[in-house]
Each structure stands twice: as structure tokens, then as C-alpha cells.
Amino acid sequence: MTEVGAYEAKTHLAQILERVARGERVVITKHGVPVAVLSRVGPQADPQQVAGQLRGFRKGRTLKPISARELIEEGRDGA
């Protein structure tokens, strides 16, 4: 991982972004102290697909021997 000072990052932002786009991670420092990390953005998840995966994961799983209602009531009693 490359470290770059804040001033250099400001003056050479376009070049640094090109390096990041190629997969390099760059740490931005201020007076030698790391304050930020620049890294390439990964693929974004499709919310509909994630919701479907969660539904599939839940199938056949239960909270036995306690129900969701009992958990809710228990939480209300403890407040």
C-alpha cells in the first residue's frame, strides 16, 4: 500500500485515481498520520437478489423453542 501526503494527493489527484482504478490502495496521510484510504469500488449488490438470498436462508429455520412474539415481549419487559 502506497502512502501519499495530503498536499501531494491534492496536487496529483488525477494520477492517484488512475493508480487506484488499476487496483492499488493508497493511504492519504496528514503530517505522517494516516487519515484515509483510497481503494477501488467493487461491484454493487442487487437489493432484490440479496433479499431473495435472505428469504432462501430463512426457509426451514425457526427460533424454536421460543417464538418471535415471545422475544419481542421479553424485550419490552426488560426496557
PDB file of N, CA and C in Angstrom:
ATOM      1  N   MET A   1       0.849  -1.164   0.000  1.00  0.00           N
ATOM      2  CA  MET A   1       0.000   0.000   0.000  1.00  0.00           C
ATOM      3  C   MET A   1       0.902   1.236   0.000  1.00  0.00           C
ATOM      4  N   THR A   2       0.590   2.167  -0.866  1.00  0.00           N
ATOM      5  CA  THR A   2       1.368   3.387  -1.005  1.00  0.00           C
ATOM      6  C   THR A   2       0.844   4.460  -0.077  1.00  0.00           C
ATOM      7  N   GLU A   3       1.736   5.236   0.519  1.00  0.00           N
ATOM      8  CA  GLU A   3       1.339   6.373   1.343  1.00  0.00           C
ATOM      9  C   GLU A   3       1.626   7.655   0.584  1.00  0.00           C
ATOM     10  N   VAL A   4       0.674   8.580   0.627  1.00  0.00           N
ATOM     11  CA  VAL A   4       0.795   9.851  -0.061  1.00  0.00           C
ATOM     12  C   VAL A   4       0.353  10.944   0.902  1.00  0.00           C
ATOM     13  N   GLY A   5       1.126  12.020   0.974  1.00  0.00           N
ATOM     14  CA  GLY A   5       0.750  13.142   1.815  1.00  0.00           C
ATOM     15  C   GLY A   5      -0.464  13.869   1.250  1.00  0.00           C
ATOM     16  N   ALA A   6      -1.176  14.576   2.118  1.00  0.00           N
ATOM     17  CA  ALA A   6      -2.395  15.274   1.713  1.00  0.00           C
ATOM     18  C   ALA A   6      -2.119  16.295   0.609  1.00  0.00           C
ATOM     19  N   TYR A   7      -1.038  17.036   0.710  1.00  0.00           N
ATOM     20  CA  TYR A   7      -0.720  18.034  -0.310  1.00  0.00           C
ATOM     21  C   TYR A   7      -0.459  17.368  -1.660  1.00  0.00           C
ATOM     22  N   GLU A   8       0.334  16.305  -1.642  1.00  0.00           N
ATOM     23  CA  GLU A   8       0.613  15.579  -2.888  1.00  0.00           C
ATOM     24  C   GLU A   8      -0.664  14.972  -3.463  1.00  0.00           C
ATOM     25  N   ALA A   9      -1.540  14.449  -2.603  1.00  0.00           N
ATOM     26  CA  ALA A   9      -2.798  13.881  -3.065  1.00  0.00           C
ATOM     27  C   ALA A   9      -3.644  14.944  -3.744  1.00  0.00           C
ATOM     28  N   LYS A  10      -3.640  16.149  -3.185  1.00  0.00           N
ATOM     29  CA  LYS A  10      -4.422  17.235  -3.764  1.00  0.00           C
ATOM     30  C   LYS A  10      -3.859  17.648  -5.125  1.00  0.00           C
ATOM     31  N   THR A  11      -2.553  17.752  -5.214  1.00  0.00           N
ATOM     32  CA  THR A  11      -1.953  18.244  -6.457  1.00  0.00           C
ATOM     33  C   THR A  11      -1.879  17.181  -7.546  1.00  0.00           C
ATOM     34  N   HIS A  12      -1.906  15.909  -7.176  1.00  0.00           N
ATOM     35  CA  HIS A  12      -1.793  14.823  -8.156  1.00  0.00           C
ATOM     36  C   HIS A  12      -2.985  13.874  -8.111  1.00  0.00           C
ATOM     37  N   LEU A  13      -4.166  14.412  -7.788  1.00  0.00           N
ATOM     38  CA  LEU A  13      -5.349  13.570  -7.602  1.00  0.00           C
ATOM     39  C   LEU A  13      -5.655  12.709  -8.826  1.00  0.00           C
ATOM     40  N   ALA A  14      -5.593  13.277 -10.012  1.00  0.00           N
ATOM     41  CA  ALA A  14      -5.922  12.513 -11.226  1.00  0.00           C
ATOM     42  C   ALA A  14      -5.015  11.289 -11.380  1.00  0.00           C
ATOM     43  N   GLN A  15      -3.714  11.471 -11.161  1.00  0.00           N
ATOM     44  CA  GLN A  15      -2.773  10.346 -11.284  1.00  0.00           C
ATOM     45  C   GLN A  15      -3.021   9.301 -10.196  1.00  0.00           C
ATOM     46  N   ILE A  16      -3.314   9.760  -8.990  1.00  0.00           N
ATOM     47  CA  ILE A  16      -3.578   8.822  -7.898  1.00  0.00           C
ATOM     48  C   ILE A  16      -4.843   8.022  -8.181  1.00  0.00           C
ATOM     49  N   LEU A  17      -5.873   8.678  -8.701  1.00  0.00           N
ATOM     50  CA  LEU A  17      -7.104   7.967  -9.034  1.00  0.00           C
ATOM     51  C   LEU A  17      -6.875   6.927 -10.126  1.00  0.00           C
ATOM     52  N   GLU A  18      -6.003   7.209 -11.070  1.00  0.00           N
ATOM     53  CA  GLU A  18      -5.659   6.215 -12.103  1.00  0.00           C
ATOM     54  C   GLU A  18      -5.014   4.983 -11.463  1.00  0.00           C
ATOM     55  N   ARG A  19      -4.121   5.199 -10.512  1.00  0.00           N
ATOM     56  CA  ARG A  19      -3.477   4.069  -9.829  1.00  0.00           C
ATOM     57  C   ARG A  19      -4.504   3.251  -9.051  1.00  0.00           C
ATOM     58  N   VAL A  20      -5.424   3.953  -8.380  1.00  0.00           N
ATOM     59  CA  VAL A  20      -6.471   3.276  -7.617  1.00  0.00           C
ATOM     60  C   VAL A  20      -7.370   2.473  -8.557  1.00  0.00           C
ATOM     61  N   ALA A  21      -7.694   3.047  -9.710  1.00  0.00           N
ATOM     62  CA  ALA A  21      -8.539   2.352 -10.680  1.00  0.00           C
ATOM     63  C   ALA A  21      -7.898   1.061 -11.167  1.00  0.00           C
ATOM     64  N   ARG A  22      -6.576   1.003 -11.152  1.00  0.00           N
ATOM     65  CA  ARG A  22      -5.862  -0.222 -11.550  1.00  0.00           C
ATOM     66  C   ARG A  22      -5.752  -1.222 -10.407  1.00  0.00           C
ATOM     67  N   GLY A  23      -6.300  -0.865  -9.231  1.00  0.00           N
ATOM     68  CA  GLY A  23      -6.319  -1.818  -8.126  1.00  0.00           C
ATOM     69  C   GLY A  23      -5.409  -1.501  -6.963  1.00  0.00           C
ATOM     70  N   GLU A  24      -4.628  -0.448  -7.064  1.00  0.00           N
ATOM     71  CA  GLU A  24      -3.715  -0.087  -5.976  1.00  0.00           C
ATOM     72  C   GLU A  24      -4.490   0.605  -4.861  1.00  0.00           C
ATOM     73  N   ARG A  25      -4.112   0.351  -3.627  1.00  0.00           N
ATOM     74  CA  ARG A  25      -4.693   1.058  -2.480  1.00  0.00           C
ATOM     75  C   ARG A  25      -3.713   2.136  -2.062  1.00  0.00           C
ATOM     76  N   VAL A  26      -4.225   3.335  -1.786  1.00  0.00           N
ATOM     77  CA  VAL A  26      -3.382   4.467  -1.437  1.00  0.00           C
ATOM     78  C   VAL A  26      -3.849   5.035  -0.098  1.00  0.00           C
ATOM     79  N   VAL A  27      -2.904   5.191   0.819  1.00  0.00           N
ATOM     80  CA  VAL A  27      -3.185   5.784   2.124  1.00  0.00           C
ATOM     81  C   VAL A  27      -2.834   7.266   2.044  1.00  0.00           C
ATOM     82  N   ILE A  28      -3.781   8.112   2.420  1.00  0.00           N
ATOM     83  CA  ILE A  28      -3.539   9.551   2.470  1.00  0.00           C
ATOM     84  C   ILE A  28      -3.148   9.897   3.904  1.00  0.00           C
ATOM     85  N   THR A  29      -2.028  10.611   4.042  1.00  0.00           N
ATOM     86  CA  THR A  29      -1.546  10.977   5.372  1.00  0.00           C
ATOM     87  C   THR A  29      -1.567  12.482   5.543  1.00  0.00           C
ATOM     88  N   LYS A  30      -1.661  12.896   6.793  1.00  0.00           N
ATOM     89  CA  LYS A  30      -1.565  14.315   7.126  1.00  0.00           C
ATOM     90  C   LYS A  30      -0.520  14.420   8.223  1.00  0.00           C
ATOM     91  N   HIS A  31       0.587  15.060   7.913  1.00  0.00           N
ATOM     92  CA  HIS A  31       1.722  15.162   8.830  1.00  0.00           C
ATOM     93  C   HIS A  31       2.200  13.771   9.242  1.00  0.00           C
ATOM     94  N   GLY A  32       2.182  12.832   8.292  1.00  0.00           N
ATOM     95  CA  GLY A  32       2.671  11.479   8.539  1.00  0.00           C
ATOM     96  C   GLY A  32       1.682  10.538   9.203  1.00  0.00           C
ATOM     97  N   VAL A  33       0.496  11.036   9.542  1.00  0.00           N
ATOM     98  CA  VAL A  33      -0.513  10.218  10.214  1.00  0.00           C
ATOM     99  C   VAL A  33      -1.568   9.795   9.188  1.00  0.00           C
ATOM    100  N   PRO A  34      -1.810   8.493   9.021  1.00  0.00           N
ATOM    101  CA  PRO A  34      -2.833   8.040   8.064  1.00  0.00           C
ATOM    102  C   PRO A  34      -4.213   8.574   8.441  1.00  0.00           C
ATOM    103  N   VAL A  35      -4.918   9.153   7.445  1.00  0.00           N
ATOM    104  CA  VAL A  35      -6.253   9.686   7.698  1.00  0.00           C
ATOM    105  C   VAL A  35      -7.308   9.113   6.754  1.00  0.00           C
ATOM    106  N   ALA A  36      -6.890   8.515   5.639  1.00  0.00           N
ATOM    107  CA  ALA A  36      -7.861   7.972   4.688  1.00  0.00           C
ATOM    108  C   ALA A  36      -7.195   6.915   3.824  1.00  0.00           C
ATOM    109  N   VAL A  37      -8.041   6.031   3.282  1.00  0.00           N
ATOM    110  CA  VAL A  37      -7.568   5.022   2.342  1.00  0.00           C
ATOM    111  C   VAL A  37      -8.406   5.142   1.079  1.00  0.00           C
ATOM    112  N   LEU A  38      -7.737   5.227  -0.065  1.00  0.00           N
ATOM    113  CA  LEU A  38      -8.430   5.205  -1.349  1.00  0.00           C
ATOM    114  C   LEU A  38      -8.300   3.804  -1.913  1.00  0.00           C
ATOM    115  N   SER A  39      -9.431   3.216  -2.298  1.00  0.00           N
ATOM    116  CA  SER A  39      -9.400   1.896  -2.915  1.00  0.00           C
ATOM    117  C   SER A  39     -10.496   1.821  -3.957  1.00  0.00           C
ATOM    118  N   ARG A  40     -10.330   0.908  -4.898  1.00  0.00           N
ATOM    119  CA  ARG A  40     -11.276   0.749  -5.989  1.00  0.00           C
ATOM    120  C   ARG A  40     -12.621   0.266  -5.453  1.00  0.00           C
ATOM    121  N   VAL A  41     -13.676   0.763  -6.037  1.00  0.00           N
ATOM    122  CA  VAL A  41     -15.034   0.370  -5.664  1.00  0.00           C
ATOM    123  C   VAL A  41     -15.337  -0.978  -6.302  1.00  0.00           C
ATOM    124  N   GLY A  42     -15.889  -1.886  -5.498  1.00  0.00           N
ATOM    125  CA  GLY A  42     -16.251  -3.204  -6.006  1.00  0.00           C
ATOM    126  C   GLY A  42     -17.633  -3.195  -6.620  1.00  0.00           C
ATOM    127  N   PRO A  43     -18.043  -4.323  -7.145  1.00  0.00           N
ATOM    128  CA  PRO A  43     -19.380  -4.407  -7.732  1.00  0.00           C
ATOM    129  C   PRO A  43     -20.453  -4.223  -6.667  1.00  0.00           C
ATOM    130  N   GLN A  44     -21.519  -3.533  -7.023  1.00  0.00           N
ATOM    131  CA  GLN A  44     -22.608  -3.274  -6.101  1.00  0.00           C
ATOM    132  C   GLN A  44     -23.595  -4.441  -6.120  1.00  0.00           C
ATOM    133  N   ALA A  45     -24.097  -4.799  -4.955  1.00  0.00           N
ATOM    134  CA  ALA A  45     -25.050  -5.904  -4.842  1.00  0.00           C
ATOM    135  C   ALA A  45     -26.438  -5.442  -5.285  1.00  0.00           C
ATOM    136  N   ASP A  46     -27.182  -6.322  -5.925  1.00  0.00           N
ATOM    137  CA  ASP A  46     -28.552  -6.050  -6.327  1.00  0.00           C
ATOM    138  C   ASP A  46     -29.457  -6.311  -5.129  1.00  0.00           C
ATOM    139  N   PRO A  47     -30.180  -5.287  -4.639  1.00  0.00           N
ATOM    140  CA  PRO A  47     -31.015  -5.468  -3.445  1.00  0.00           C
ATOM    141  C   PRO A  47     -32.051  -6.583  -3.588  1.00  0.00           C
ATOM    142  N   GLN A  48     -32.640  -6.738  -4.765  1.00  0.00           N
ATOM    143  CA  GLN A  48     -33.630  -7.791  -4.969  1.00  0.00           C
ATOM    144  C   GLN A  48     -32.988  -9.176  -4.834  1.00  0.00           C
ATOM    145  N   GLN A  49     -31.793  -9.320  -5.369  1.00  0.00           N
ATOM    146  CA  GLN A  49     -31.088 -10.597  -5.280  1.00  0.00           C
ATOM    147  C   GLN A  49     -30.717 -10.913  -3.831  1.00  0.00           C
ATOM    148  N   VAL A  50     -30.237  -9.918  -3.102  1.00  0.00           N
ATOM    149  CA  VAL A  50     -29.867 -10.122  -1.698  1.00  0.00           C
ATOM    150  C   VAL A  50     -31.095 -10.499  -0.874  1.00  0.00           C
ATOM    151  N   ALA A  51     -32.232  -9.813  -1.113  1.00  0.00           N
ATOM    152  CA  ALA A  51     -33.460 -10.133  -0.386  1.00  0.00           C
ATOM    153  C   ALA A  51     -33.882 -11.574  -0.670  1.00  0.00           C
ATOM    154  N   GLY A  52     -33.772 -12.008  -1.915  1.00  0.00           N
ATOM    155  CA  GLY A  52     -34.102 -13.389  -2.268  1.00  0.00           C
ATOM    156  C   GLY A  52     -33.194 -14.384  -1.566  1.00  0.00           C
ATOM    157  N   GLN A  53     -31.920 -14.061  -1.484  1.00  0.00           N
ATOM    158  CA  GLN A  53     -30.980 -14.944  -0.790  1.00  0.00           C
ATOM    159  C   GLN A  53     -31.323 -15.044   0.695  1.00  0.00           C
ATOM    160  N   LEU A  54     -31.701 -13.915   1.303  1.00  0.00           N
ATOM    161  CA  LEU A  54     -32.092 -13.937   2.718  1.00  0.00           C
ATOM    162  C   LEU A  54     -33.344 -14.778   2.927  1.00  0.00           C
ATOM    163  N   ARG A  55     -34.324 -14.639   2.015  1.00  0.00           N
ATOM    164  CA  ARG A  55     -35.539 -15.451   2.132  1.00  0.00           C
ATOM    165  C   ARG A  55     -35.203 -16.938   2.032  1.00  0.00           C
ATOM    166  N   GLY A  56     -34.321 -17.273   1.112  1.00  0.00           N
ATOM    167  CA  GLY A  56     -33.906 -18.664   0.958  1.00  0.00           C
ATOM    168  C   GLY A  56     -33.189 -19.180   2.197  1.00  0.00           C
ATOM    169  N   PHE A  57     -32.382 -18.343   2.797  1.00  0.00           N
ATOM    170  CA  PHE A  57     -31.654 -18.726   4.013  1.00  0.00           C
ATOM    171  C   PHE A  57     -32.624 -18.992   5.160  1.00  0.00           C
ATOM    172  N   ARG A  58     -33.711 -18.187   5.249  1.00  0.00           N
ATOM    173  CA  ARG A  58     -34.671 -18.339   6.337  1.00  0.00           C
ATOM    174  C   ARG A  58     -35.518 -19.593   6.220  1.00  0.00           C
ATOM    175  N   LYS A  59     -35.720 -20.098   5.022  1.00  0.00           N
ATOM    176  CA  LYS A  59     -36.603 -21.260   4.828  1.00  0.00           C
ATOM    177  C   LYS A  59     -36.153 -22.422   5.706  1.00  0.00           C
ATOM    178  N   GLY A  60     -37.099 -22.953   6.478  1.00  0.00           N
ATOM    179  CA  GLY A  60     -36.816 -24.115   7.312  1.00  0.00           C
ATOM    180  C   GLY A  60     -36.135 -23.796   8.618  1.00  0.00           C
ATOM    181  N   ARG A  61     -35.765 -22.546   8.845  1.00  0.00           N
ATOM    182  CA  ARG A  61     -35.119 -22.168  10.101  1.00  0.00           C
ATOM    183  C   ARG A  61     -36.163 -21.548  11.024  1.00  0.00           C
ATOM    184  N   THR A  62     -36.136 -21.925  12.284  1.00  0.00           N
ATOM    185  CA  THR A  62     -37.079 -21.379  13.255  1.00  0.00           C
ATOM    186  C   THR A  62     -36.332 -20.952  14.512  1.00  0.00           C
ATOM    187  N   LEU A  63     -37.049 -20.272  15.387  1.00  0.00           N
ATOM    188  CA  LEU A  63     -36.483 -19.830  16.659  1.00  0.00           C
ATOM    189  C   LEU A  63     -36.833 -20.772  17.797  1.00  0.00           C
ATOM    190  N   LYS A  64     -37.303 -21.961  17.460  1.00  0.00           N
ATOM    191  CA  LYS A  64     -37.741 -22.908  18.488  1.00  0.00           C
ATOM    192  C   LYS A  64     -36.678 -23.038  19.551  1.00  0.00           C
ATOM    193  N   PRO A  65     -37.015 -23.164  20.765  1.00  0.00           N
ATOM    194  CA  PRO A  65     -38.324 -23.356  21.375  1.00  0.00           C
ATOM    195  C   PRO A  65     -39.020 -22.042  21.712  1.00  0.00           C
ATOM    196  N   ILE A  66     -38.515 -20.892  21.292  1.00  0.00           N
ATOM    197  CA  ILE A  66     -39.141 -19.619  21.621  1.00  0.00           C
ATOM    198  C   ILE A  66     -39.609 -18.953  20.324  1.00  0.00           C
ATOM    199  N   SER A  67     -40.742 -18.263  20.409  1.00  0.00           N
ATOM    200  CA  SER A  67     -41.285 -17.620  19.218  1.00  0.00           C
ATOM    201  C   SER A  67     -40.788 -16.178  19.118  1.00  0.00           C
ATOM    202  N   ALA A  68     -40.915 -15.609  17.947  1.00  0.00           N
ATOM    203  CA  ALA A  68     -40.537 -14.214  17.748  1.00  0.00           C
ATOM    204  C   ALA A  68     -41.367 -13.315  18.655  1.00  0.00           C
ATOM    205  N   ARG A  69     -42.646 -13.616  18.818  1.00  0.00           N
ATOM    206  CA  ARG A  69     -43.522 -12.829  19.691  1.00  0.00           C
ATOM    207  C   ARG A  69     -42.987 -12.844  21.120  1.00  0.00           C
ATOM    208  N   GLU A  70     -42.558 -14.005  21.601  1.00  0.00           N
ATOM    209  CA  GLU A  70     -42.026 -14.103  22.961  1.00  0.00           C
ATOM    210  C   GLU A  70     -40.747 -13.276  23.106  1.00  0.00           C
ATOM    211  N   LEU A  71     -39.916 -13.277  22.094  1.00  0.00           N
ATOM    212  CA  LEU A  71     -38.700 -12.463  22.133  1.00  0.00           C
ATOM    213  C   LEU A  71     -39.032 -10.980  22.202  1.00  0.00           C
ATOM    214  N   ILE A  72     -40.047 -10.565  21.423  1.00  0.00           N
ATOM    215  CA  ILE A  72     -40.470  -9.160  21.435  1.00  0.00           C
ATOM    216  C   ILE A  72     -40.979  -8.777  22.811  1.00  0.00           C
ATOM    217  N   GLU A  73     -41.838  -9.632  23.364  1.00  0.00           N
ATOM    218  CA  GLU A  73     -42.388  -9.351  24.693  1.00  0.00           C
ATOM    219  C   GLU A  73     -41.291  -9.315  25.751  1.00  0.00           C
ATOM    220  N   GLU A  74     -40.340 -10.202  25.640  1.00  0.00           N
ATOM    221  CA  GLU A  74     -39.232 -10.247  26.589  1.00  0.00           C
ATOM    222  C   GLU A  74     -38.435  -8.950  26.509  1.00  0.00           C
ATOM    223  N   GLY A  75     -38.242  -8.443  25.306  1.00  0.00           N
ATOM    224  CA  GLY A  75     -37.524  -7.195  25.123  1.00  0.00           C
ATOM    225  C   GLY A  75     -38.258  -6.008  25.715  1.00  0.00           C
ATOM    226  N   ARG A  76     -39.572  -6.031  25.635  1.00  0.00           N
ATOM    227  CA  ARG A  76     -40.369  -4.954  26.190  1.00  0.00           C
ATOM    228  C   ARG A  76     -40.331  -4.966  27.717  1.00  0.00           C
ATOM    229  N   ASP A  77     -40.285  -6.164  28.306  1.00  0.00           N
ATOM    230  CA  ASP A  77     -40.242  -6.274  29.769  1.00  0.00           C
ATOM    231  C   ASP A  77     -38.924  -5.752  30.323  1.00  0.00           C
ATOM    232  N   GLY A  78     -37.856  -5.947  29.570  1.00  0.00           N
ATOM    233  CA  GLY A  78     -36.531  -5.560  30.053  1.00  0.00           C
ATOM    234  C   GLY A  78     -36.235  -4.078  29.884  1.00  0.00           C
ATOM    235  N   ALA A  79     -37.097  -3.332  29.203  1.00  0.00           N
ATOM    236  CA  ALA A  79     -36.812  -1.914  28.928  1.00  0.00           C
ATOM    237  C   ALA A  79     -37.145  -1.013  30.076  1.00  0.00           C
TER     238      ALA A  79
END
